[in-house]
Protein backbone atom coordinates (compact mmCIF):
# COMPACT_ATOMS: atom_id res chain seq x y z
CA MET A 1 0.00 0.00 0.00
CA LYS A 2 2.84 2.36 0.83
CA SER A 3 4.49 1.80 -2.57
CA ALA A 4 1.26 2.88 -4.30
CA VAL A 5 1.23 6.18 -2.41
CA SER A 6 4.94 7.00 -2.63
CA PRO A 7 4.88 8.29 -6.25
CA TYR A 8 2.24 10.82 -5.21
CA SER A 9 3.87 11.85 -1.94
CA LYS A 10 6.26 14.13 -3.86
CA TYR A 11 3.34 15.94 -5.48
CA LEU A 12 1.54 16.22 -2.17
CA HIS A 13 4.67 17.67 -0.60
CA ASP A 14 5.02 20.18 -3.46
CA TYR A 15 1.36 21.10 -3.05
CA ASP A 16 1.99 22.04 0.58
CA ASP A 17 4.64 24.56 -0.47
CA LYS A 18 2.53 26.23 -3.15
CA PRO A 19 -0.57 28.41 -2.74
CA PRO A 20 -3.88 26.63 -3.31
CA ILE A 21 -4.90 26.14 -6.92
CA PHE A 22 -8.23 27.93 -6.50
CA LEU A 23 -6.49 31.12 -5.36
CA ILE A 24 -4.35 31.09 -8.52
CA VAL A 25 -7.39 30.42 -10.69
CA GLY A 26 -9.34 33.17 -8.95
CA ALA A 27 -6.53 35.67 -9.48
CA VAL A 28 -6.25 34.75 -13.16
CA LEU A 29 -10.01 35.07 -13.65
CA GLY A 30 -9.95 38.45 -11.91
CA ILE A 31 -7.16 39.70 -14.16
CA ILE A 32 -8.93 38.44 -17.29
CA SER A 33 -12.23 40.05 -16.30
CA GLY A 34 -10.41 43.32 -15.59
CA LEU A 35 -8.73 43.23 -19.01
CA VAL A 36 -12.06 42.51 -20.70
CA GLY A 37 -13.60 45.48 -18.89
CA ILE A 38 -10.76 47.79 -19.95
CA ILE A 39 -10.97 46.61 -23.57
CA SER A 40 -14.73 47.18 -23.66
CA VAL A 41 -14.28 50.70 -22.25
CA ILE A 42 -11.63 51.47 -24.90
CA GLN A 43 -13.88 50.12 -27.65
CA GLU A 44 -16.76 52.30 -26.44
CA TRP A 45 -14.43 55.31 -26.32
CA ILE A 46 -13.19 54.69 -29.89
CA HIS A 47 -16.78 54.17 -31.05
CA GLY A 48 -17.69 57.50 -29.45
CA LEU A 49 -14.80 59.24 -31.24
CA ILE A 50 -15.78 57.82 -34.64
CA THR A 51 -19.47 58.68 -34.44
């Protein structure tokens, strides 16, 4: 039983040293949503200049 777990123990140990995955995903989603908001504002501003 121990031999089956030992290949994964390295990954579990690495996981303890790193921040949780959901925090990274949340930060990335926040950055993407912020960029999308900025792009939409710029597009509206350009559309306002053209018309």
